[in-house]
Protein backbone atom coordinates (compact mmCIF):
# COMPACT_ATOMS: atom_id res chain seq x y z
CA MET A 1 -0.18 0.09 0.24
CA ALA A 2 1.52 3.45 -1.00
CA THR A 3 2.79 5.98 2.19
CA PRO A 4 -0.05 8.91 1.71
CA LEU A 5 1.27 12.21 0.34
CA GLN A 6 1.96 14.77 2.96
CA PHE A 7 2.46 17.97 2.87
CA THR A 8 3.34 21.65 4.25
CA ILE A 9 2.59 24.71 2.33
CA GLU A 10 5.02 27.13 4.28
CA GLU A 11 4.43 30.73 1.86
CA THR A 12 1.84 31.14 0.01
CA VAL A 13 3.58 33.68 -2.85
CA GLY A 14 0.49 34.34 -4.98
CA VAL A 15 -2.25 33.06 -6.03
CA LEU A 16 -2.84 33.10 -10.26
CA SER A 17 -6.57 33.09 -10.55
CA THR A 18 -9.20 31.17 -9.49
CA SER A 19 -12.02 29.33 -10.67
CA LYS A 20 -15.68 29.46 -11.00
CA SER A 21 -15.72 26.87 -8.46
CA GLY A 22 -13.55 29.18 -6.09
CA TRP A 23 -10.29 26.52 -6.83
CA THR A 24 -7.87 28.49 -6.64
CA ARG A 25 -3.81 28.49 -9.26
CA GLU A 26 -1.38 29.09 -6.43
CA LEU A 27 2.66 29.56 -6.70
CA ASN A 28 4.06 28.19 -3.24
CA LEU A 29 6.71 26.98 -1.32
CA VAL A 30 5.26 23.61 -0.59
CA SER A 31 7.90 21.06 1.85
CA TRP A 32 6.85 17.49 0.43
CA ASN A 33 7.00 14.83 2.78
CA ASP A 34 8.59 16.50 5.27
CA ARG A 35 11.53 17.24 2.46
CA PRO A 36 12.97 21.46 2.19
CA ALA A 37 10.23 23.50 1.06
CA LYS A 38 10.31 24.03 -3.49
CA PHE A 39 8.07 26.06 -5.28
CA ASP A 40 5.22 24.99 -6.47
CA LEU A 41 2.15 25.47 -9.39
CA ARG A 42 -0.95 24.19 -8.85
CA ASP A 43 -4.59 23.99 -8.33
CA TRP A 44 -6.01 23.63 -4.94
CA SER A 45 -9.90 23.29 -3.79
CA PRO A 46 -11.10 26.18 -1.35
CA ASP A 47 -10.20 23.96 1.69
CA HIS A 48 -6.29 23.44 1.06
CA SER A 49 -7.66 19.18 0.83
CA LYS A 50 -7.62 18.89 -2.57
CA MET A 51 -5.23 19.62 -5.19
CA GLY A 52 -5.10 19.13 -8.86
CA LYS A 53 -0.99 17.89 -10.98
CA GLY A 54 1.44 20.75 -10.52
CA LEU A 55 4.57 21.38 -10.97
CA THR A 56 7.18 21.25 -8.34
CA LEU A 57 9.89 23.87 -9.24
CA THR A 58 13.79 23.88 -7.03
CA ASN A 59 15.13 27.66 -6.55
CA ASP A 60 17.44 27.53 -9.89
CA GLU A 61 14.59 26.10 -11.91
CA ILE A 62 12.23 29.53 -10.53
CA GLU A 63 15.35 32.14 -10.99
CA GLN A 64 15.34 30.27 -14.05
CA LEU A 65 11.93 30.80 -15.11
CA ARG A 66 12.03 34.42 -13.90
CA GLN A 67 14.73 34.41 -16.39
CA LEU A 68 12.82 33.53 -18.97
CA LEU A 69 9.68 35.30 -18.83
CA ASP A 70 11.86 38.82 -18.15
CA GLY A 71 12.99 37.99 -21.70
CA MET A 72 9.34 38.16 -22.89
CA VAL A 73 8.37 41.06 -21.61
CA SER A 74 8.33 44.17 -24.25
CA ASP A 75 7.86 47.52 -24.21
């Protein structure tokens, strides 16, 4: 039997959007199974008891993403 997934949202960086059903797409710092927290982008139910599939990024990956996004911005 699989071990239950444990997570702790250590910091909410921000909410990107909210659906009509109340689910939010959030960027958070999340610790999975008592490991060091990583940046996590995914959909969450209003009470954070359920989650959608998401993307977890290290500090280096989030910095690289920031640089890519900065390069896309045109004045």
